[in-house]
């Protein structure tokens, strides 16, 4: 996270904090299989291959889990709580 100076009398700062809380809550609600690779990629800025190596899973699995984790995160943040494990495409 980038920490920035806030004028606490401003609504912008409280809005930023509310957004951060919502993101942290939504991330915490994700299953570990999605949350861990998503955090490693988007917050720690690790390469996909490095994530795959550290987690001991194939590269394609990492990419899939990150995509599904992002979709689940977006769903939770938009208020749609019905999908536990969203799939970007239909299963064959």
C-alpha atoms as a PDB file:
ATOM      1  CA  UNK A   1       0.000   0.000   0.000  1.00  0.00           C
ATOM      2  CA  UNK A   2       1.090   3.519  -0.630  1.00  0.00           C
ATOM      3  CA  UNK A   3       0.590   5.661   2.450  1.00  0.00           C
ATOM      4  CA  UNK A   4      -0.173   9.257   1.730  1.00  0.00           C
ATOM      5  CA  UNK A   5      -0.595  12.309   3.892  1.00  0.00           C
ATOM      6  CA  UNK A   6      -4.185  13.119   4.764  1.00  0.00           C
ATOM      7  CA  UNK A   7      -5.998  16.229   5.752  1.00  0.00           C
ATOM      8  CA  UNK A   8      -8.266  14.496   8.263  1.00  0.00           C
ATOM      9  CA  UNK A   9     -10.905  17.190   7.869  1.00  0.00           C
ATOM     10  CA  UNK A  10     -11.293  16.076   4.267  1.00  0.00           C
ATOM     11  CA  UNK A  11     -13.913  13.573   3.108  1.00  0.00           C
ATOM     12  CA  UNK A  12     -11.400  12.245   0.571  1.00  0.00           C
ATOM     13  CA  UNK A  13      -9.200  10.733   3.254  1.00  0.00           C
ATOM     14  CA  UNK A  14     -12.072   9.011   5.030  1.00  0.00           C
ATOM     15  CA  UNK A  15     -13.257   7.697   1.671  1.00  0.00           C
ATOM     16  CA  UNK A  16      -9.776   6.285   0.970  1.00  0.00           C
ATOM     17  CA  UNK A  17      -9.781   4.566   4.359  1.00  0.00           C
ATOM     18  CA  UNK A  18     -13.223   3.098   3.725  1.00  0.00           C
ATOM     19  CA  UNK A  19     -12.042   1.785   0.346  1.00  0.00           C
ATOM     20  CA  UNK A  20      -8.941   0.276   1.945  1.00  0.00           C
ATOM     21  CA  UNK A  21     -11.034  -1.400   4.648  1.00  0.00           C
ATOM     22  CA  UNK A  22     -13.414  -2.795   2.023  1.00  0.00           C
ATOM     23  CA  UNK A  23     -10.507  -4.185  -0.010  1.00  0.00           C
ATOM     24  CA  UNK A  24      -8.866  -5.752   3.042  1.00  0.00           C
ATOM     25  CA  UNK A  25     -12.174  -7.306   4.108  1.00  0.00           C
ATOM     26  CA  UNK A  26     -12.837  -8.664   0.614  1.00  0.00           C
ATOM     27  CA  UNK A  27      -9.273 -10.032   0.353  1.00  0.00           C
ATOM     28  CA  UNK A  28      -9.620 -11.703   3.733  1.00  0.00           C
ATOM     29  CA  UNK A  29     -12.803 -13.418   2.597  1.00  0.00           C
ATOM     30  CA  UNK A  30     -11.129 -15.050  -0.404  1.00  0.00           C
ATOM     31  CA  UNK A  31     -10.017 -18.684  -0.109  1.00  0.00           C
ATOM     32  CA  UNK A  32      -6.253 -19.025   0.459  1.00  0.00           C
ATOM     33  CA  UNK A  33      -5.820 -20.653  -2.970  1.00  0.00           C
ATOM     34  CA  UNK A  34      -6.908 -17.368  -4.588  1.00  0.00           C
ATOM     35  CA  UNK A  35      -5.822 -14.802  -2.000  1.00  0.00           C
ATOM     36  CA  UNK A  36      -2.190 -15.871  -1.612  1.00  0.00           C
ATOM     37  CA  UNK A  37      -1.182 -15.785  -5.309  1.00  0.00           C
ATOM     38  CA  UNK A  38      -3.214 -12.584  -5.813  1.00  0.00           C
ATOM     39  CA  UNK A  39      -1.375 -10.823  -2.975  1.00  0.00           C
ATOM     40  CA  UNK A  40       1.973 -12.142  -4.206  1.00  0.00           C
ATOM     41  CA  UNK A  41       1.317 -10.741  -7.688  1.00  0.00           C
ATOM     42  CA  UNK A  42      -0.590  -7.515  -7.084  1.00  0.00           C
ATOM     43  CA  UNK A  43       0.825  -6.347  -3.765  1.00  0.00           C
ATOM     44  CA  UNK A  44       4.284  -7.902  -3.673  1.00  0.00           C
ATOM     45  CA  UNK A  45       4.767  -7.503  -7.456  1.00  0.00           C
ATOM     46  CA  UNK A  46       6.266 -10.972  -7.927  1.00  0.00           C
ATOM     47  CA  UNK A  47       6.468 -12.534 -11.377  1.00  0.00           C
ATOM     48  CA  UNK A  48       4.081 -15.389 -12.202  1.00  0.00           C
ATOM     49  CA  UNK A  49       6.957 -17.873 -12.524  1.00  0.00           C
ATOM     50  CA  UNK A  50       8.323 -16.908  -9.110  1.00  0.00           C
ATOM     51  CA  UNK A  51       4.882 -17.346  -7.535  1.00  0.00           C
ATOM     52  CA  UNK A  52       4.545 -20.759  -9.170  1.00  0.00           C
ATOM     53  CA  UNK A  53       7.954 -21.778  -7.864  1.00  0.00           C
ATOM     54  CA  UNK A  54       7.279 -20.567  -4.314  1.00  0.00           C
ATOM     55  CA  UNK A  55       3.842 -22.206  -4.153  1.00  0.00           C
ATOM     56  CA  UNK A  56       4.973 -25.382  -5.898  1.00  0.00           C
ATOM     57  CA  UNK A  57       2.191 -25.295  -8.488  1.00  0.00           C
ATOM     58  CA  UNK A  58       2.234 -25.064 -12.296  1.00  0.00           C
ATOM     59  CA  UNK A  59       2.405 -21.627 -13.945  1.00  0.00           C
ATOM     60  CA  UNK A  60      -1.043 -22.089 -15.513  1.00  0.00           C
ATOM     61  CA  UNK A  61      -2.516 -22.785 -12.080  1.00  0.00           C
ATOM     62  CA  UNK A  62      -1.059 -19.541 -10.738  1.00  0.00           C
ATOM     63  CA  UNK A  63      -2.501 -17.553 -13.646  1.00  0.00           C
ATOM     64  CA  UNK A  64      -5.890 -19.188 -13.234  1.00  0.00           C
ATOM     65  CA  UNK A  65      -5.993 -18.624  -9.477  1.00  0.00           C
ATOM     66  CA  UNK A  66      -5.022 -14.964  -9.878  1.00  0.00           C
ATOM     67  CA  UNK A  67      -7.691 -14.427 -12.534  1.00  0.00           C
ATOM     68  CA  UNK A  68     -10.333 -16.165 -10.430  1.00  0.00           C
ATOM     69  CA  UNK A  69      -9.184 -14.312  -7.306  1.00  0.00           C
ATOM     70  CA  UNK A  70      -9.441 -10.953  -9.075  1.00  0.00           C
ATOM     71  CA  UNK A  71     -12.915 -11.838 -10.341  1.00  0.00           C
ATOM     72  CA  UNK A  72     -14.023 -12.874  -6.844  1.00  0.00           C
ATOM     73  CA  UNK A  73     -12.532  -9.710  -5.344  1.00  0.00           C
ATOM     74  CA  UNK A  74     -14.329  -7.515  -7.872  1.00  0.00           C
ATOM     75  CA  UNK A  75     -17.554  -9.377  -7.220  1.00  0.00           C
ATOM     76  CA  UNK A  76     -17.251  -8.882  -3.461  1.00  0.00           C
ATOM     77  CA  UNK A  77     -16.386  -5.203  -3.831  1.00  0.00           C
ATOM     78  CA  UNK A  78     -19.327  -4.596  -6.152  1.00  0.00           C
ATOM     79  CA  UNK A  79     -21.697  -6.139  -3.618  1.00  0.00           C
ATOM     80  CA  UNK A  80     -22.350  -9.464  -5.344  1.00  0.00           C
ATOM     81  CA  UNK A  81     -21.738 -11.979  -2.577  1.00  0.00           C
ATOM     82  CA  UNK A  82     -23.424 -14.943  -4.299  1.00  0.00           C
ATOM     83  CA  UNK A  83     -20.440 -16.313  -6.213  1.00  0.00           C
ATOM     84  CA  UNK A  84     -18.040 -18.260  -3.994  1.00  0.00           C
ATOM     85  CA  UNK A  85     -15.693 -19.383  -6.741  1.00  0.00           C
ATOM     86  CA  UNK A  86     -16.390 -17.437  -9.929  1.00  0.00           C
ATOM     87  CA  UNK A  87     -15.127 -18.750 -13.232  1.00  0.00           C
ATOM     88  CA  UNK A  88     -14.322 -16.261 -15.981  1.00  0.00           C
ATOM     89  CA  UNK A  89     -15.495 -18.860 -18.516  1.00  0.00           C
ATOM     90  CA  UNK A  90     -17.943 -21.721 -18.390  1.00  0.00           C
ATOM     91  CA  UNK A  91     -16.572 -25.134 -17.486  1.00  0.00           C
ATOM     92  CA  UNK A  92     -16.522 -27.589 -20.434  1.00  0.00           C
END
